[in-house]
Amino acid sequence: MFQKEVQLSYGEGRYKIYISAIITGDGISLTVTGGEKPHVGGMALAVPRTGGWHNKTACDIWITPRYGHRDSEVADMVARMLCLDTGQTVAVVAGIHIDQADSREIGTLIDNSRQATLLLNAKIKEIMEKDYAQES
């Protein structure tokens, strides 16, 4: 049974994003939090399928927002990025909050979430390569 936990962060101060991930041989589960009040604000599930544009991998995505929150938008973005790049099923719970955030601050949080996801994706590839090498 393959299972690996990864924790990482990206950004500074109140714009810092934290990702906690459990990577298995058959899917990735993540929590994305940050800002001043980490919480559960929304979630997304991305499941890969073949037959997308030019027969490339596509992902079916189900999104569940928490009433009054927009965190599911980050969950959707993170789930979609990882599903498309890894070909794995990805479940994301997100909760990021800064009181009275303006559009620039929200943009910084979204960009930091994207950058943290790129770091995680590189780590997942490294883990999968090591796991594959051990099986060979």
C-alpha atoms as a PDB file:
ATOM      1  CA  MET A   1       0.000   0.000   0.000  1.00  0.00           C
ATOM      2  CA  PHE A   2       1.440   3.351  -1.063  1.00  0.00           C
ATOM      3  CA  GLN A   3       0.682   6.497   0.919  1.00  0.00           C
ATOM      4  CA  LYS A   4       2.762   9.634   1.415  1.00  0.00           C
ATOM      5  CA  GLU A   5       1.966  12.868   3.268  1.00  0.00           C
ATOM      6  CA  VAL A   6       3.275  16.210   2.035  1.00  0.00           C
ATOM      7  CA  GLN A   7       2.937  19.624   3.636  1.00  0.00           C
ATOM      8  CA  LEU A   8       4.132  22.827   2.040  1.00  0.00           C
ATOM      9  CA  SER A   9       3.428  26.531   1.920  1.00  0.00           C
ATOM     10  CA  TYR A  10       3.840  29.438  -0.437  1.00  0.00           C
ATOM     11  CA  GLY A  11       3.685  33.179   0.199  1.00  0.00           C
ATOM     12  CA  GLU A  12       4.324  35.516   3.098  1.00  0.00           C
ATOM     13  CA  GLY A  13       2.379  36.760   6.098  1.00  0.00           C
ATOM     14  CA  ARG A  14      -1.370  36.877   5.746  1.00  0.00           C
ATOM     15  CA  TYR A  15      -1.067  35.826   2.086  1.00  0.00           C
ATOM     16  CA  LYS A  16       0.632  32.523   2.914  1.00  0.00           C
ATOM     17  CA  ILE A  17      -1.089  29.415   1.572  1.00  0.00           C
ATOM     18  CA  TYR A  18      -0.709  26.025   3.235  1.00  0.00           C
ATOM     19  CA  ILE A  19      -1.265  22.718   1.471  1.00  0.00           C
ATOM     20  CA  SER A  20      -1.524  19.427   3.285  1.00  0.00           C
ATOM     21  CA  ALA A  21      -1.730  16.449   0.931  1.00  0.00           C
ATOM     22  CA  ILE A  22      -2.065  12.705   1.170  1.00  0.00           C
ATOM     23  CA  ILE A  23      -0.818  11.047  -1.993  1.00  0.00           C
ATOM     24  CA  THR A  24      -1.843   7.464  -2.660  1.00  0.00           C
ATOM     25  CA  GLY A  25      -1.394   5.164  -5.594  1.00  0.00           C
ATOM     26  CA  ASP A  26      -5.013   5.859  -6.550  1.00  0.00           C
ATOM     27  CA  GLY A  27      -5.751   9.483  -5.742  1.00  0.00           C
ATOM     28  CA  ILE A  28      -4.703  12.653  -3.959  1.00  0.00           C
ATOM     29  CA  SER A  29      -6.489  14.299  -1.040  1.00  0.00           C
ATOM     30  CA  LEU A  30      -5.656  17.915  -0.155  1.00  0.00           C
ATOM     31  CA  THR A  31      -6.499  20.675   2.259  1.00  0.00           C
ATOM     32  CA  VAL A  32      -5.696  24.219   1.112  1.00  0.00           C
ATOM     33  CA  THR A  33      -5.856  26.905   3.809  1.00  0.00           C
ATOM     34  CA  GLY A  34      -4.459  30.330   4.511  1.00  0.00           C
ATOM     35  CA  GLY A  35      -5.063  33.951   5.260  1.00  0.00           C
ATOM     36  CA  GLU A  36      -6.151  35.083   8.699  1.00  0.00           C
ATOM     37  CA  LYS A  37      -8.867  32.469   9.261  1.00  0.00           C
ATOM     38  CA  PRO A  38      -8.220  28.999   7.855  1.00  0.00           C
ATOM     39  CA  HIS A  39     -11.505  27.095   7.634  1.00  0.00           C
ATOM     40  CA  VAL A  40     -13.586  24.733   5.509  1.00  0.00           C
ATOM     41  CA  GLY A  41     -15.138  26.894   2.820  1.00  0.00           C
ATOM     42  CA  GLY A  42     -15.666  24.641  -0.171  1.00  0.00           C
ATOM     43  CA  MET A  43     -14.528  21.532  -1.934  1.00  0.00           C
ATOM     44  CA  ALA A  44     -13.953  20.002  -5.349  1.00  0.00           C
ATOM     45  CA  LEU A  45     -13.498  16.490  -6.691  1.00  0.00           C
ATOM     46  CA  ALA A  46     -11.747  16.014 -10.039  1.00  0.00           C
ATOM     47  CA  VAL A  47     -11.841  12.614 -11.749  1.00  0.00           C
ATOM     48  CA  PRO A  48      -9.729  12.018 -14.876  1.00  0.00           C
ATOM     49  CA  ARG A  49     -11.152  10.581 -18.070  1.00  0.00           C
ATOM     50  CA  THR A  50      -9.790  10.026 -21.543  1.00  0.00           C
ATOM     51  CA  GLY A  51     -11.373  11.410 -24.654  1.00  0.00           C
ATOM     52  CA  GLY A  52     -10.921  15.117 -24.041  1.00  0.00           C
ATOM     53  CA  TRP A  53      -9.793  17.616 -26.662  1.00  0.00           C
ATOM     54  CA  HIS A  54      -7.534  15.746 -29.132  1.00  0.00           C
ATOM     55  CA  ASN A  55      -7.999  12.614 -26.986  1.00  0.00           C
ATOM     56  CA  LYS A  56      -6.004  14.090 -24.098  1.00  0.00           C
ATOM     57  CA  THR A  57      -6.898  13.527 -20.462  1.00  0.00           C
ATOM     58  CA  ALA A  58      -9.801  15.639 -19.275  1.00  0.00           C
ATOM     59  CA  CYS A  59     -11.324  15.854 -15.807  1.00  0.00           C
ATOM     60  CA  ASP A  60     -14.908  15.706 -14.631  1.00  0.00           C
ATOM     61  CA  ILE A  61     -15.261  18.047 -11.662  1.00  0.00           C
ATOM     62  CA  TRP A  62     -17.859  18.289  -8.921  1.00  0.00           C
ATOM     63  CA  ILE A  63     -17.836  21.436  -6.789  1.00  0.00           C
ATOM     64  CA  THR A  64     -19.493  21.968  -3.421  1.00  0.00           C
ATOM     65  CA  PRO A  65     -19.435  25.527  -2.085  1.00  0.00           C
ATOM     66  CA  ARG A  66     -20.227  26.487   1.495  1.00  0.00           C
ATOM     67  CA  TYR A  67     -22.994  29.070   1.590  1.00  0.00           C
ATOM     68  CA  GLY A  68     -21.527  32.583   1.576  1.00  0.00           C
ATOM     69  CA  HIS A  69     -17.996  31.416   0.700  1.00  0.00           C
ATOM     70  CA  ARG A  70     -16.038  31.386  -2.548  1.00  0.00           C
ATOM     71  CA  ASP A  71     -13.297  28.988  -1.469  1.00  0.00           C
ATOM     72  CA  SER A  72     -14.643  26.321  -3.831  1.00  0.00           C
ATOM     73  CA  GLU A  73     -13.194  28.412  -6.676  1.00  0.00           C
ATOM     74  CA  VAL A  74      -9.672  27.746  -5.333  1.00  0.00           C
ATOM     75  CA  ALA A  75     -10.586  24.102  -4.678  1.00  0.00           C
ATOM     76  CA  ASP A  76     -11.743  23.802  -8.311  1.00  0.00           C
ATOM     77  CA  MET A  77      -8.555  25.385  -9.667  1.00  0.00           C
ATOM     78  CA  VAL A  78      -6.241  23.193  -7.554  1.00  0.00           C
ATOM     79  CA  ALA A  79      -8.182  19.980  -8.248  1.00  0.00           C
ATOM     80  CA  ARG A  80      -8.268  20.672 -11.997  1.00  0.00           C
ATOM     81  CA  MET A  81      -4.538  21.500 -12.194  1.00  0.00           C
ATOM     82  CA  LEU A  82      -3.453  18.360 -10.351  1.00  0.00           C
ATOM     83  CA  CYS A  83      -5.936  16.045 -12.067  1.00  0.00           C
ATOM     84  CA  LEU A  84      -4.872  17.152 -15.540  1.00  0.00           C
ATOM     85  CA  ASP A  85      -1.176  16.966 -14.758  1.00  0.00           C
ATOM     86  CA  THR A  86      -1.054  13.753 -12.717  1.00  0.00           C
ATOM     87  CA  GLY A  87      -3.974  11.811 -14.221  1.00  0.00           C
ATOM     88  CA  GLN A  88      -5.103  11.056 -10.655  1.00  0.00           C
ATOM     89  CA  THR A  89      -8.433  11.587  -8.919  1.00  0.00           C
ATOM     90  CA  VAL A  90      -8.034  14.677  -6.726  1.00  0.00           C
ATOM     91  CA  ALA A  91     -10.183  15.797  -3.770  1.00  0.00           C
ATOM     92  CA  VAL A  92      -9.613  19.313  -2.394  1.00  0.00           C
ATOM     93  CA  VAL A  93     -11.072  21.078   0.643  1.00  0.00           C
ATOM     94  CA  ALA A  94     -10.243  24.794   0.711  1.00  0.00           C
ATOM     95  CA  GLY A  95     -10.676  27.593   3.228  1.00  0.00           C
ATOM     96  CA  ILE A  96      -8.796  30.882   2.885  1.00  0.00           C
ATOM     97  CA  HIS A  97      -9.935  34.146   4.466  1.00  0.00           C
ATOM     98  CA  ILE A  98      -8.734  37.703   5.026  1.00  0.00           C
ATOM     99  CA  ASP A  99     -11.160  40.186   6.593  1.00  0.00           C
ATOM    100  CA  GLN A 100     -12.239  42.931   4.190  1.00  0.00           C
ATOM    101  CA  ALA A 101      -9.951  41.629   1.406  1.00  0.00           C
ATOM    102  CA  ASP A 102      -9.827  43.820  -1.696  1.00  0.00           C
ATOM    103  CA  SER A 103      -9.495  42.456  -5.240  1.00  0.00           C
ATOM    104  CA  ARG A 104      -5.684  42.767  -5.191  1.00  0.00           C
ATOM    105  CA  GLU A 105      -5.445  40.722  -2.001  1.00  0.00           C
ATOM    106  CA  ILE A 106      -7.809  38.073  -3.373  1.00  0.00           C
ATOM    107  CA  GLY A 107      -5.681  37.931  -6.522  1.00  0.00           C
ATOM    108  CA  THR A 108      -2.547  37.432  -4.413  1.00  0.00           C
ATOM    109  CA  LEU A 109      -4.195  34.583  -2.490  1.00  0.00           C
ATOM    110  CA  ILE A 110      -5.323  32.904  -5.719  1.00  0.00           C
ATOM    111  CA  ASP A 111      -1.870  33.308  -7.284  1.00  0.00           C
ATOM    112  CA  ASN A 112      -0.192  31.936  -4.150  1.00  0.00           C
ATOM    113  CA  SER A 113      -2.593  28.975  -4.250  1.00  0.00           C
ATOM    114  CA  ARG A 114      -1.604  28.355  -7.876  1.00  0.00           C
ATOM    115  CA  GLN A 115       2.118  28.584  -7.031  1.00  0.00           C
ATOM    116  CA  ALA A 116       1.723  26.240  -4.035  1.00  0.00           C
ATOM    117  CA  THR A 117      -0.064  23.779  -6.340  1.00  0.00           C
ATOM    118  CA  LEU A 118       2.811  23.919  -8.820  1.00  0.00           C
ATOM    119  CA  LEU A 119       5.251  23.142  -5.968  1.00  0.00           C
ATOM    120  CA  LEU A 120       3.059  20.246  -4.868  1.00  0.00           C
ATOM    121  CA  ASN A 121       2.826  18.933  -8.413  1.00  0.00           C
ATOM    122  CA  ALA A 122       6.644  18.848  -8.650  1.00  0.00           C
ATOM    123  CA  LYS A 123       6.807  17.004  -5.314  1.00  0.00           C
ATOM    124  CA  ILE A 124       4.175  14.470  -6.472  1.00  0.00           C
ATOM    125  CA  LYS A 125       6.196  13.756  -9.627  1.00  0.00           C
ATOM    126  CA  GLU A 126       9.315  13.258  -7.504  1.00  0.00           C
ATOM    127  CA  ILE A 127       7.475  10.863  -5.173  1.00  0.00           C
ATOM    128  CA  MET A 128       5.956   8.899  -8.060  1.00  0.00           C
ATOM    129  CA  GLU A 129       9.343   8.584  -9.783  1.00  0.00           C
ATOM    130  CA  LYS A 130      10.921   7.249  -6.565  1.00  0.00           C
ATOM    131  CA  ASP A 131       8.039   4.833  -6.045  1.00  0.00           C
ATOM    132  CA  TYR A 132       8.279   3.622  -9.651  1.00  0.00           C
ATOM    133  CA  ALA A 133      12.065   3.190  -9.356  1.00  0.00           C
ATOM    134  CA  GLN A 134      11.633   1.101  -6.184  1.00  0.00           C
ATOM    135  CA  GLU A 135       9.135  -1.199  -7.938  1.00  0.00           C
ATOM    136  CA  SER A 136      11.512  -1.785 -10.905  1.00  0.00           C
END
